Each structure stands twice: as C-alpha cells, then as structure tokens.
C-alpha cells in the first residue's frame, strides 16, 4: 500500500468509540484488540475554570488502513462509521497539507 495516513480532528471527536467497534468487527479482532483505539486525555482542571478533555483515536499496529475496503473503492471502516466525521484516511501528502489548516489535528502515518 502507498504511504497512507489517518488525520484526526480531535476538536470534534466525541469519544463514542464507534471507530473502535467498527474496526474490531470489520477485521474480526478478538476482545481487547483494536486496529484503532480511542484515548481519553483528562478531564482535569489546569487553571481556574479551564479544563482539559479530549478524545484522540490512535491507530495500532493492527491497522491496515482497510486496504481491502480501499481496493473496493470504499472508505475505511473507521472513517465510514465516524459519527463526528473527524477521521480521514488517505495519502499522507494530501493529509499533511490539511494538517496545517488548524490547531487540533493529529496525523498518523503508516
């Protein structure tokens, strides 16, 4: 597979775990294994009335960027099922350009 990546806009991730569940079901992964895993940062207060809480989906070594689905012209299952539409999978060069467009984006590379 070409150089692919996953771009996550964690400003909009709601922590619903749909990406985890969809990936786990698509790839028939056993309980406790994930192709993408949601990580929670916080909540904690870092200044008076200022709180940190973020959800960041992170691909694991079991993520294959849904090569089979991409080969069929379909979206990767994490992107297809993301309710907040905050996950995008694609060529790393294209995603890297988008990653500079705002502050709360993270880019994962295969």
PDB file of N, CA and C in Angstrom:
ATOM      1  N   UNK A   1       0.840  -1.185   0.000  1.00  0.00           N
ATOM      2  CA  UNK A   1       0.000   0.000   0.000  1.00  0.00           C
ATOM      3  C   UNK A   1       0.881   1.243   0.000  1.00  0.00           C
ATOM      4  N   UNK A   2       0.458   2.262  -0.705  1.00  0.00           N
ATOM      5  CA  UNK A   2       1.182   3.532  -0.753  1.00  0.00           C
ATOM      6  C   UNK A   2       1.251   4.138   0.644  1.00  0.00           C
ATOM      7  N   UNK A   3       1.980   5.218   0.763  1.00  0.00           N
ATOM      8  CA  UNK A   3       2.070   5.904   2.048  1.00  0.00           C
ATOM      9  C   UNK A   3       0.723   6.520   2.411  1.00  0.00           C
ATOM     10  N   UNK A   4       0.053   5.876   3.340  1.00  0.00           N
ATOM     11  CA  UNK A   4      -1.251   6.343   3.791  1.00  0.00           C
ATOM     12  C   UNK A   4      -1.148   6.816   5.230  1.00  0.00           C
ATOM     13  N   UNK A   5      -2.130   7.612   5.631  1.00  0.00           N
ATOM     14  CA  UNK A   5      -2.181   8.096   6.994  1.00  0.00           C
ATOM     15  C   UNK A   5      -3.615   8.269   7.438  1.00  0.00           C
ATOM     16  N   UNK A   6      -3.745   8.580   8.705  1.00  0.00           N
ATOM     17  CA  UNK A   6      -5.049   8.883   9.303  1.00  0.00           C
ATOM     18  C   UNK A   6      -4.946  10.268   9.928  1.00  0.00           C
ATOM     19  N   UNK A   7      -5.837  11.151   9.524  1.00  0.00           N
ATOM     20  CA  UNK A   7      -5.909  12.501  10.062  1.00  0.00           C
ATOM     21  C   UNK A   7      -7.114  12.565  10.989  1.00  0.00           C
ATOM     22  N   UNK A   8      -6.879  12.968  12.223  1.00  0.00           N
ATOM     23  CA  UNK A   8      -7.950  13.046  13.212  1.00  0.00           C
ATOM     24  C   UNK A   8      -8.089  14.493  13.673  1.00  0.00           C
ATOM     25  N   UNK A   9      -9.314  14.997  13.584  1.00  0.00           N
ATOM     26  CA  UNK A   9      -9.641  16.319  14.116  1.00  0.00           C
ATOM     27  C   UNK A   9     -10.220  16.086  15.511  1.00  0.00           C
ATOM     28  N   UNK A  10      -9.348  16.138  16.516  1.00  0.00           N
ATOM     29  CA  UNK A  10      -9.803  15.768  17.853  1.00  0.00           C
ATOM     30  C   UNK A  10     -10.575  16.874  18.548  1.00  0.00           C
ATOM     31  N   UNK A  11     -10.721  18.003  17.909  1.00  0.00           N
ATOM     32  CA  UNK A  11     -11.617  19.036  18.451  1.00  0.00           C
ATOM     33  C   UNK A  11     -13.062  18.540  18.398  1.00  0.00           C
ATOM     34  N   UNK A  12     -13.358  17.664  17.421  1.00  0.00           N
ATOM     35  CA  UNK A  12     -14.734  17.233  17.199  1.00  0.00           C
ATOM     36  C   UNK A  12     -15.011  15.805  17.643  1.00  0.00           C
ATOM     37  N   UNK A  13     -13.997  15.044  18.007  1.00  0.00           N
ATOM     38  CA  UNK A  13     -14.229  13.669  18.456  1.00  0.00           C
ATOM     39  C   UNK A  13     -15.022  13.690  19.762  1.00  0.00           C
ATOM     40  N   UNK A  14     -16.110  12.922  19.795  1.00  0.00           N
ATOM     41  CA  UNK A  14     -16.988  12.899  20.965  1.00  0.00           C
ATOM     42  C   UNK A  14     -16.679  11.752  21.916  1.00  0.00           C
ATOM     43  N   UNK A  15     -15.769  10.871  21.530  1.00  0.00           N
ATOM     44  CA  UNK A  15     -15.441   9.734  22.383  1.00  0.00           C
ATOM     45  C   UNK A  15     -16.457   8.610  22.311  1.00  0.00           C
ATOM     46  N   UNK A  16     -17.141   8.469  21.197  1.00  0.00           N
ATOM     47  CA  UNK A  16     -18.228   7.489  21.085  1.00  0.00           C
ATOM     48  C   UNK A  16     -17.743   6.043  20.903  1.00  0.00           C
ATOM     49  N   UNK A  17     -16.474   5.848  20.564  1.00  0.00           N
ATOM     50  CA  UNK A  17     -15.875   4.520  20.361  1.00  0.00           C
ATOM     51  C   UNK A  17     -16.377   3.806  19.107  1.00  0.00           C
ATOM     52  N   UNK A  18     -17.126   4.482  18.241  1.00  0.00           N
ATOM     53  CA  UNK A  18     -17.637   3.829  17.041  1.00  0.00           C
ATOM     54  C   UNK A  18     -16.506   3.366  16.133  1.00  0.00           C
ATOM     55  N   UNK A  19     -15.429   4.152  16.035  1.00  0.00           N
ATOM     56  CA  UNK A  19     -14.300   3.748  15.184  1.00  0.00           C
ATOM     57  C   UNK A  19     -13.689   2.444  15.687  1.00  0.00           C
ATOM     58  N   UNK A  20     -13.540   2.318  17.004  1.00  0.00           N
ATOM     59  CA  UNK A  20     -13.000   1.079  17.598  1.00  0.00           C
ATOM     60  C   UNK A  20     -13.883  -0.115  17.265  1.00  0.00           C
ATOM     61  N   UNK A  21     -15.161   0.039  17.530  1.00  0.00           N
ATOM     62  CA  UNK A  21     -16.109  -1.055  17.349  1.00  0.00           C
ATOM     63  C   UNK A  21     -16.212  -1.464  15.885  1.00  0.00           C
ATOM     64  N   UNK A  22     -16.317  -0.478  14.996  1.00  0.00           N
ATOM     65  CA  UNK A  22     -16.437  -0.784  13.566  1.00  0.00           C
ATOM     66  C   UNK A  22     -15.190  -1.508  13.065  1.00  0.00           C
ATOM     67  N   UNK A  23     -14.019  -1.068  13.482  1.00  0.00           N
ATOM     68  CA  UNK A  23     -12.772  -1.706  13.062  1.00  0.00           C
ATOM     69  C   UNK A  23     -12.681  -3.129  13.608  1.00  0.00           C
ATOM     70  N   UNK A  24     -13.010  -3.261  14.870  1.00  0.00           N
ATOM     71  CA  UNK A  24     -12.940  -4.574  15.515  1.00  0.00           C
ATOM     72  C   UNK A  24     -13.858  -5.573  14.801  1.00  0.00           C
ATOM     73  N   UNK A  25     -15.047  -5.132  14.441  1.00  0.00           N
ATOM     74  CA  UNK A  25     -15.990  -6.010  13.756  1.00  0.00           C
ATOM     75  C   UNK A  25     -15.557  -6.281  12.321  1.00  0.00           C
ATOM     76  N   UNK A  26     -15.095  -5.260  11.616  1.00  0.00           N
ATOM     77  CA  UNK A  26     -14.670  -5.412  10.216  1.00  0.00           C
ATOM     78  C   UNK A  26     -13.534  -6.424  10.076  1.00  0.00           C
ATOM     79  N   UNK A  27     -12.608  -6.388  11.034  1.00  0.00           N
ATOM     80  CA  UNK A  27     -11.415  -7.237  10.944  1.00  0.00           C
ATOM     81  C   UNK A  27     -11.480  -8.466  11.851  1.00  0.00           C
ATOM     82  N   UNK A  28     -12.621  -8.677  12.480  1.00  0.00           N
ATOM     83  CA  UNK A  28     -12.830  -9.848  13.333  1.00  0.00           C
ATOM     84  C   UNK A  28     -11.744  -9.959  14.416  1.00  0.00           C
ATOM     85  N   UNK A  29     -11.469  -8.830  15.052  1.00  0.00           N
ATOM     86  CA  UNK A  29     -10.451  -8.805  16.105  1.00  0.00           C
ATOM     87  C   UNK A  29     -11.062  -9.283  17.417  1.00  0.00           C
ATOM     88  N   UNK A  30     -10.309 -10.035  18.209  1.00  0.00           N
ATOM     89  CA  UNK A  30     -10.840 -10.505  19.493  1.00  0.00           C
ATOM     90  C   UNK A  30     -10.979  -9.368  20.497  1.00  0.00           C
ATOM     91  N   UNK A  31     -11.735  -9.624  21.523  1.00  0.00           N
ATOM     92  CA  UNK A  31     -11.938  -8.649  22.594  1.00  0.00           C
ATOM     93  C   UNK A  31     -10.572  -8.210  23.126  1.00  0.00           C
ATOM     94  N   UNK A  32     -10.405  -6.906  23.285  1.00  0.00           N
ATOM     95  CA  UNK A  32      -9.157  -6.364  23.807  1.00  0.00           C
ATOM     96  C   UNK A  32      -8.135  -6.019  22.746  1.00  0.00           C
ATOM     97  N   UNK A  33      -8.419  -6.319  21.472  1.00  0.00           N
ATOM     98  CA  UNK A  33      -7.516  -5.944  20.387  1.00  0.00           C
ATOM     99  C   UNK A  33      -8.229  -4.960  19.477  1.00  0.00           C
ATOM    100  N   UNK A  34      -7.457  -4.014  18.965  1.00  0.00           N
ATOM    101  CA  UNK A  34      -8.043  -2.929  18.185  1.00  0.00           C
ATOM    102  C   UNK A  34      -7.145  -2.558  17.021  1.00  0.00           C
ATOM    103  N   UNK A  35      -7.735  -2.108  15.930  1.00  0.00           N
ATOM    104  CA  UNK A  35      -6.991  -1.503  14.835  1.00  0.00           C
ATOM    105  C   UNK A  35      -6.866  -0.008  15.060  1.00  0.00           C
ATOM    106  N   UNK A  36      -7.821   0.535  15.807  1.00  0.00           N
ATOM    107  CA  UNK A  36      -7.788   1.928  16.235  1.00  0.00           C
ATOM    108  C   UNK A  36      -8.332   1.952  17.655  1.00  0.00           C
ATOM    109  N   UNK A  37      -7.692   2.705  18.520  1.00  0.00           N
ATOM    110  CA  UNK A  37      -8.058   2.732  19.945  1.00  0.00           C
ATOM    111  C   UNK A  37      -8.271   4.173  20.375  1.00  0.00           C
ATOM    112  N   UNK A  38      -9.395   4.427  21.014  1.00  0.00           N
ATOM    113  CA  UNK A  38      -9.713   5.762  21.495  1.00  0.00           C
ATOM    114  C   UNK A  38      -8.998   6.013  22.819  1.00  0.00           C
ATOM    115  N   UNK A  39      -8.243   7.094  22.874  1.00  0.00           N
ATOM    116  CA  UNK A  39      -7.572   7.505  24.112  1.00  0.00           C
ATOM    117  C   UNK A  39      -8.238   8.758  24.649  1.00  0.00           C
ATOM    118  N   UNK A  40      -8.419   8.798  25.952  1.00  0.00           N
ATOM    119  CA  UNK A  40      -9.035   9.940  26.611  1.00  0.00           C
ATOM    120  C   UNK A  40      -7.953  10.720  27.354  1.00  0.00           C
ATOM    121  N   UNK A  41      -7.916  12.017  27.141  1.00  0.00           N
ATOM    122  CA  UNK A  41      -6.989  12.906  27.839  1.00  0.00           C
ATOM    123  C   UNK A  41      -7.818  13.779  28.775  1.00  0.00           C
ATOM    124  N   UNK A  42      -7.626  13.597  30.071  1.00  0.00           N
ATOM    125  CA  UNK A  42      -8.393  14.349  31.062  1.00  0.00           C
ATOM    126  C   UNK A  42      -9.588  13.537  31.503  1.00  0.00           C
ATOM    127  N   UNK A  43     -10.547  14.146  32.131  1.00  0.00           N
ATOM    128  CA  UNK A  43     -10.626  15.580  32.382  1.00  0.00           C
ATOM    129  C   UNK A  43      -9.799  15.996  33.603  1.00  0.00           C
ATOM    130  N   UNK A  44      -9.202  17.170  33.476  1.00  0.00           N
ATOM    131  CA  UNK A  44      -8.521  17.776  34.612  1.00  0.00           C
ATOM    132  C   UNK A  44      -8.534  19.286  34.444  1.00  0.00           C
ATOM    133  N   UNK A  45      -8.533  19.959  35.580  1.00  0.00           N
ATOM    134  CA  UNK A  45      -8.543  21.421  35.587  1.00  0.00           C
ATOM    135  C   UNK A  45      -7.099  21.902  35.588  1.00  0.00           C
ATOM    136  N   UNK A  46      -6.709  22.685  34.599  1.00  0.00           N
ATOM    137  CA  UNK A  46      -5.333  23.174  34.521  1.00  0.00           C
ATOM    138  C   UNK A  46      -5.197  24.647  34.872  1.00  0.00           C
ATOM    139  N   UNK A  47      -6.304  25.343  35.042  1.00  0.00           N
ATOM    140  CA  UNK A  47      -6.353  26.726  35.509  1.00  0.00           C
ATOM    141  C   UNK A  47      -7.765  26.929  36.041  1.00  0.00           C
ATOM    142  N   UNK A  48      -7.998  27.961  36.816  1.00  0.00           N
ATOM    143  CA  UNK A  48      -9.359  28.180  37.323  1.00  0.00           C
ATOM    144  C   UNK A  48     -10.384  28.207  36.180  1.00  0.00           C
ATOM    145  N   UNK A  49     -11.343  27.298  36.277  1.00  0.00           N
ATOM    146  CA  UNK A  49     -12.419  27.179  35.285  1.00  0.00           C
ATOM    147  C   UNK A  49     -11.926  26.862  33.875  1.00  0.00           C
ATOM    148  N   UNK A  50     -10.742  26.288  33.744  1.00  0.00           N
ATOM    149  CA  UNK A  50     -10.204  25.849  32.451  1.00  0.00           C
ATOM    150  C   UNK A  50      -9.915  24.356  32.548  1.00  0.00           C
ATOM    151  N   UNK A  51     -10.585  23.589  31.706  1.00  0.00           N
ATOM    152  CA  UNK A  51     -10.499  22.140  31.788  1.00  0.00           C
ATOM    153  C   UNK A  51      -9.939  21.541  30.500  1.00  0.00           C
ATOM    154  N   UNK A  52      -9.218  20.459  30.654  1.00  0.00           N
ATOM    155  CA  UNK A  52      -8.716  19.686  29.524  1.00  0.00           C
ATOM    156  C   UNK A  52      -9.518  18.398  29.428  1.00  0.00           C
ATOM    157  N   UNK A  53     -10.109  18.163  28.276  1.00  0.00           N
ATOM    158  CA  UNK A  53     -10.781  16.905  27.979  1.00  0.00           C
ATOM    159  C   UNK A  53     -10.738  16.728  26.473  1.00  0.00           C
ATOM    160  N   UNK A  54     -10.099  15.679  26.032  1.00  0.00           N
ATOM    161  CA  UNK A  54     -10.004  15.401  24.598  1.00  0.00           C
ATOM    162  C   UNK A  54     -10.052  13.898  24.378  1.00  0.00           C
ATOM    163  N   UNK A  55     -10.573  13.521  23.250  1.00  0.00           N
ATOM    164  CA  UNK A  55     -10.583  12.128  22.817  1.00  0.00           C
ATOM    165  C   UNK A  55      -9.765  12.057  21.534  1.00  0.00           C
ATOM    166  N   UNK A  56      -8.820  11.128  21.487  1.00  0.00           N
ATOM    167  CA  UNK A  56      -7.956  11.015  20.321  1.00  0.00           C
ATOM    168  C   UNK A  56      -7.892   9.557  19.877  1.00  0.00           C
ATOM    169  N   UNK A  57      -8.543   9.219  18.755  1.00  0.00           N
ATOM    170  CA  UNK A  57      -8.422   7.874  18.198  1.00  0.00           C
ATOM    171  C   UNK A  57      -7.001   7.687  17.642  1.00  0.00           C
ATOM    172  N   UNK A  58      -6.363   6.585  18.021  1.00  0.00           N
ATOM    173  CA  UNK A  58      -4.984   6.306  17.610  1.00  0.00           C
ATOM    174  C   UNK A  58      -4.927   4.944  16.926  1.00  0.00           C
ATOM    175  N   UNK A  59      -4.396   4.878  15.701  1.00  0.00           N
ATOM    176  CA  UNK A  59      -4.267   3.575  15.049  1.00  0.00           C
ATOM    177  C   UNK A  59      -3.211   2.726  15.757  1.00  0.00           C
ATOM    178  N   UNK A  60      -3.439   1.428  15.779  1.00  0.00           N
ATOM    179  CA  UNK A  60      -2.486   0.486  16.372  1.00  0.00           C
ATOM    180  C   UNK A  60      -1.730  -0.221  15.250  1.00  0.00           C
ATOM    181  N   UNK A  61      -0.829  -1.109  15.623  1.00  0.00           N
ATOM    182  CA  UNK A  61      -0.091  -1.877  14.624  1.00  0.00           C
ATOM    183  C   UNK A  61      -1.009  -2.809  13.823  1.00  0.00           C
ATOM    184  N   UNK A  62      -2.214  -3.060  14.320  1.00  0.00           N
ATOM    185  CA  UNK A  62      -3.152  -3.928  13.610  1.00  0.00           C
ATOM    186  C   UNK A  62      -3.938  -3.176  12.529  1.00  0.00           C
ATOM    187  N   UNK A  63      -3.777  -1.863  12.477  1.00  0.00           N
ATOM    188  CA  UNK A  63      -4.453  -1.071  11.443  1.00  0.00           C
ATOM    189  C   UNK A  63      -3.756  -1.295  10.107  1.00  0.00           C
ATOM    190  N   UNK A  64      -4.537  -1.683   9.114  1.00  0.00           N
ATOM    191  CA  UNK A  64      -4.010  -1.836   7.754  1.00  0.00           C
ATOM    192  C   UNK A  64      -4.630  -0.792   6.821  1.00  0.00           C
ATOM    193  N   UNK A  65      -5.202   0.253   7.410  1.00  0.00           N
ATOM    194  CA  UNK A  65      -5.860   1.332   6.675  1.00  0.00           C
ATOM    195  C   UNK A  65      -6.991   0.789   5.798  1.00  0.00           C
ATOM    196  N   UNK A  66      -7.519  -0.357   6.203  1.00  0.00           N
ATOM    197  CA  UNK A  66      -8.615  -1.014   5.470  1.00  0.00           C
ATOM    198  C   UNK A  66      -8.266  -1.160   3.990  1.00  0.00           C
ATOM    199  N   UNK A  67      -7.101  -1.731   3.734  1.00  0.00           N
ATOM    200  CA  UNK A  67      -6.615  -1.895   2.358  1.00  0.00           C
ATOM    201  C   UNK A  67      -7.643  -2.583   1.466  1.00  0.00           C
ATOM    202  N   UNK A  68      -8.309  -3.599   1.991  1.00  0.00           N
ATOM    203  CA  UNK A  68      -9.302  -4.318   1.186  1.00  0.00           C
ATOM    204  C   UNK A  68     -10.471  -3.409   0.822  1.00  0.00           C
ATOM    205  N   UNK A  69     -10.962  -2.643   1.797  1.00  0.00           N
ATOM    206  CA  UNK A  69     -12.067  -1.716   1.535  1.00  0.00           C
ATOM    207  C   UNK A  69     -11.638  -0.634   0.538  1.00  0.00           C
ATOM    208  N   UNK A  70     -10.439  -0.080   0.727  1.00  0.00           N
ATOM    209  CA  UNK A  70      -9.945   0.935  -0.201  1.00  0.00           C
ATOM    210  C   UNK A  70      -9.852   0.370  -1.616  1.00  0.00           C
ATOM    211  N   UNK A  71      -9.402  -0.884  -1.726  1.00  0.00           N
ATOM    212  CA  UNK A  71      -9.305  -1.545  -3.022  1.00  0.00           C
ATOM    213  C   UNK A  71     -10.653  -1.703  -3.713  1.00  0.00           C
ATOM    214  N   UNK A  72     -11.716  -1.722  -2.930  1.00  0.00           N
ATOM    215  CA  UNK A  72     -13.074  -1.836  -3.463  1.00  0.00           C
ATOM    216  C   UNK A  72     -13.716  -0.465  -3.679  1.00  0.00           C
ATOM    217  N   UNK A  73     -12.941   0.602  -3.442  1.00  0.00           N
ATOM    218  CA  UNK A  73     -13.470   1.952  -3.612  1.00  0.00           C
ATOM    219  C   UNK A  73     -14.298   2.433  -2.442  1.00  0.00           C
ATOM    220  N   UNK A  74     -14.212   1.737  -1.312  1.00  0.00           N
ATOM    221  CA  UNK A  74     -14.971   2.111  -0.114  1.00  0.00           C
ATOM    222  C   UNK A  74     -14.083   2.902   0.842  1.00  0.00           C
ATOM    223  N   UNK A  75     -14.720   3.619   1.748  1.00  0.00           N
ATOM    224  CA  UNK A  75     -13.982   4.303   2.804  1.00  0.00           C
ATOM    225  C   UNK A  75     -13.521   3.293   3.844  1.00  0.00           C
ATOM    226  N   UNK A  76     -12.398   3.549   4.505  1.00  0.00           N
ATOM    227  CA  UNK A  76     -12.014   2.712   5.643  1.00  0.00           C
ATOM    228  C   UNK A  76     -13.135   2.727   6.673  1.00  0.00           C
ATOM    229  N   UNK A  77     -13.292   1.637   7.376  1.00  0.00           N
ATOM    230  CA  UNK A  77     -14.446   1.491   8.269  1.00  0.00           C
ATOM    231  C   UNK A  77     -14.468   2.527   9.393  1.00  0.00           C
ATOM    232  N   UNK A  78     -13.308   2.932   9.903  1.00  0.00           N
ATOM    233  CA  UNK A  78     -13.298   3.945  10.965  1.00  0.00           C
ATOM    234  C   UNK A  78     -13.840   5.267  10.440  1.00  0.00           C
ATOM    235  N   UNK A  79     -13.433   5.640   9.243  1.00  0.00           N
ATOM    236  CA  UNK A  79     -13.901   6.888   8.636  1.00  0.00           C
ATOM    237  C   UNK A  79     -15.380   6.784   8.263  1.00  0.00           C
ATOM    238  N   UNK A  80     -15.779   5.660   7.695  1.00  0.00           N
ATOM    239  CA  UNK A  80     -17.165   5.464   7.268  1.00  0.00           C
ATOM    240  C   UNK A  80     -18.146   5.577   8.440  1.00  0.00           C
ATOM    241  N   UNK A  81     -17.756   5.031   9.585  1.00  0.00           N
ATOM    242  CA  UNK A  81     -18.676   4.971  10.718  1.00  0.00           C
ATOM    243  C   UNK A  81     -18.515   6.110  11.720  1.00  0.00           C
ATOM    244  N   UNK A  82     -17.537   6.974  11.536  1.00  0.00           N
ATOM    245  CA  UNK A  82     -17.305   8.064  12.493  1.00  0.00           C
ATOM    246  C   UNK A  82     -18.494   9.023  12.498  1.00  0.00           C
ATOM    247  N   UNK A  83     -19.175   9.092  13.630  1.00  0.00           N
ATOM    248  CA  UNK A  83     -20.375   9.913  13.729  1.00  0.00           C
ATOM    249  C   UNK A  83     -20.059  11.407  13.662  1.00  0.00           C
ATOM    250  N   UNK A  84     -18.882  11.798  14.158  1.00  0.00           N
ATOM    251  CA  UNK A  84     -18.492  13.203  14.144  1.00  0.00           C
ATOM    252  C   UNK A  84     -17.764  13.592  12.857  1.00  0.00           C
ATOM    253  N   UNK A  85     -17.518  12.629  11.993  1.00  0.00           N
ATOM    254  CA  UNK A  85     -16.807  12.839  10.740  1.00  0.00           C
ATOM    255  C   UNK A  85     -15.471  13.554  10.967  1.00  0.00           C
ATOM    256  N   UNK A  86     -14.752  13.085  11.987  1.00  0.00           N
ATOM    257  CA  UNK A  86     -13.475  13.719  12.345  1.00  0.00           C
ATOM    258  C   UNK A  86     -12.268  12.868  11.975  1.00  0.00           C
ATOM    259  N   UNK A  87     -12.478  11.751  11.274  1.00  0.00           N
ATOM    260  CA  UNK A  87     -11.397  10.873  10.844  1.00  0.00           C
ATOM    261  C   UNK A  87     -11.352  10.862   9.323  1.00  0.00           C
ATOM    262  N   UNK A  88     -10.142  11.015   8.784  1.00  0.00           N
ATOM    263  CA  UNK A  88      -9.962  10.928   7.342  1.00  0.00           C
ATOM    264  C   UNK A  88      -8.728  10.074   7.053  1.00  0.00           C
ATOM    265  N   UNK A  89      -8.861   9.132   6.161  1.00  0.00           N
ATOM    266  CA  UNK A  89      -7.762   8.266   5.750  1.00  0.00           C
ATOM    267  C   UNK A  89      -7.434   8.596   4.307  1.00  0.00           C
ATOM    268  N   UNK A  90      -6.140   8.693   3.996  1.00  0.00           N
ATOM    269  CA  UNK A  90      -5.759   8.994   2.628  1.00  0.00           C
ATOM    270  C   UNK A  90      -4.264   9.067   2.451  1.00  0.00           C
ATOM    271  N   UNK A  91      -3.827   9.459   1.259  1.00  0.00           N
ATOM    272  CA  UNK A  91      -2.400   9.604   1.000  1.00  0.00           C
ATOM    273  C   UNK A  91      -1.779  10.625   1.954  1.00  0.00           C
ATOM    274  N   UNK A  92      -0.632  10.287   2.489  1.00  0.00           N
ATOM    275  CA  UNK A  92      -0.006  11.095   3.535  1.00  0.00           C
ATOM    276  C   UNK A  92       0.275  12.523   3.075  1.00  0.00           C
ATOM    277  N   UNK A  93       0.666  12.709   1.815  1.00  0.00           N
ATOM    278  CA  UNK A  93       0.977  14.063   1.323  1.00  0.00           C
ATOM    279  C   UNK A  93      -0.253  14.967   1.377  1.00  0.00           C
ATOM    280  N   UNK A  94      -1.398  14.421   0.966  1.00  0.00           N
ATOM    281  CA  UNK A  94      -2.644  15.203   0.985  1.00  0.00           C
ATOM    282  C   UNK A  94      -3.059  15.536   2.415  1.00  0.00           C
ATOM    283  N   UNK A  95      -2.958  14.546   3.299  1.00  0.00           N
ATOM    284  CA  UNK A  95      -3.355  14.773   4.691  1.00  0.00           C
ATOM    285  C   UNK A  95      -2.409  15.739   5.389  1.00  0.00           C
ATOM    286  N   UNK A  96      -1.118  15.688   5.054  1.00  0.00           N
ATOM    287  CA  UNK A  96      -0.144  16.596   5.672  1.00  0.00           C
ATOM    288  C   UNK A  96      -0.470  18.050   5.343  1.00  0.00           C
ATOM    289  N   UNK A  97      -0.939  18.305   4.127  1.00  0.00           N
ATOM    290  CA  UNK A  97      -1.340  19.669   3.752  1.00  0.00           C
ATOM    291  C   UNK A  97      -2.526  20.130   4.585  1.00  0.00           C
ATOM    292  N   UNK A  98      -3.487  19.227   4.790  1.00  0.00           N
ATOM    293  CA  UNK A  98      -4.666  19.561   5.587  1.00  0.00           C
ATOM    294  C   UNK A  98      -4.310  19.748   7.060  1.00  0.00           C
ATOM    295  N   UNK A  99      -3.294  19.034   7.529  1.00  0.00           N
ATOM    296  CA  UNK A  99      -2.932  19.061   8.948  1.00  0.00           C
ATOM    297  C   UNK A  99      -2.442  20.426   9.394  1.00  0.00           C
ATOM    298  N   UNK A 100      -2.040  21.269   8.480  1.00  0.00           N
ATOM    299  CA  UNK A 100      -1.575  22.609   8.845  1.00  0.00           C
ATOM    300  C   UNK A 100      -2.711  23.619   8.913  1.00  0.00           C
ATOM    301  N   UNK A 101      -3.923  23.182   8.599  1.00  0.00           N
ATOM    302  CA  UNK A 101      -5.043  24.110   8.481  1.00  0.00           C
ATOM    303  C   UNK A 101      -5.662  24.534   9.806  1.00  0.00           C
ATOM    304  N   UNK A 102      -5.432  23.776  10.855  1.00  0.00           N
ATOM    305  CA  UNK A 102      -5.997  24.155  12.149  1.00  0.00           C
ATOM    306  C   UNK A 102      -5.209  23.517  13.273  1.00  0.00           C
ATOM    307  N   UNK A 103      -5.527  23.894  14.488  1.00  0.00           N
ATOM    308  CA  UNK A 103      -4.699  23.542  15.644  1.00  0.00           C
ATOM    309  C   UNK A 103      -4.886  22.124  16.166  1.00  0.00           C
ATOM    310  N   UNK A 104      -6.098  21.622  16.269  1.00  0.00           N
ATOM    311  CA  UNK A 104      -6.349  20.360  16.941  1.00  0.00           C
ATOM    312  C   UNK A 104      -6.494  19.200  15.965  1.00  0.00           C
ATOM    313  N   UNK A 105      -5.491  19.033  15.128  1.00  0.00           N
ATOM    314  CA  UNK A 105      -5.430  17.920  14.196  1.00  0.00           C
ATOM    315  C   UNK A 105      -4.183  17.111  14.516  1.00  0.00           C
ATOM    316  N   UNK A 106      -4.305  15.804  14.376  1.00  0.00           N
ATOM    317  CA  UNK A 106      -3.147  14.932  14.541  1.00  0.00           C
ATOM    318  C   UNK A 106      -3.105  13.989  13.347  1.00  0.00           C
ATOM    319  N   UNK A 107      -1.896  13.773  12.823  1.00  0.00           N
ATOM    320  CA  UNK A 107      -1.712  12.939  11.656  1.00  0.00           C
ATOM    321  C   UNK A 107      -0.865  11.722  12.017  1.00  0.00           C
ATOM    322  N   UNK A 108      -1.406  10.555  11.715  1.00  0.00           N
ATOM    323  CA  UNK A 108      -0.699   9.295  11.956  1.00  0.00           C
ATOM    324  C   UNK A 108      -0.296   8.732  10.603  1.00  0.00           C
ATOM    325  N   UNK A 109       0.925   8.254  10.496  1.00  0.00           N
ATOM    326  CA  UNK A 109       1.496   7.747   9.242  1.00  0.00           C
ATOM    327  C   UNK A 109       1.762   6.260   9.396  1.00  0.00           C
ATOM    328  N   UNK A 110       1.561   5.506   8.313  1.00  0.00           N
ATOM    329  CA  UNK A 110       1.826   4.068   8.394  1.00  0.00           C
ATOM    330  C   UNK A 110       3.279   3.877   8.384  1.00  0.00           C
TER     331      UNK A 110
END
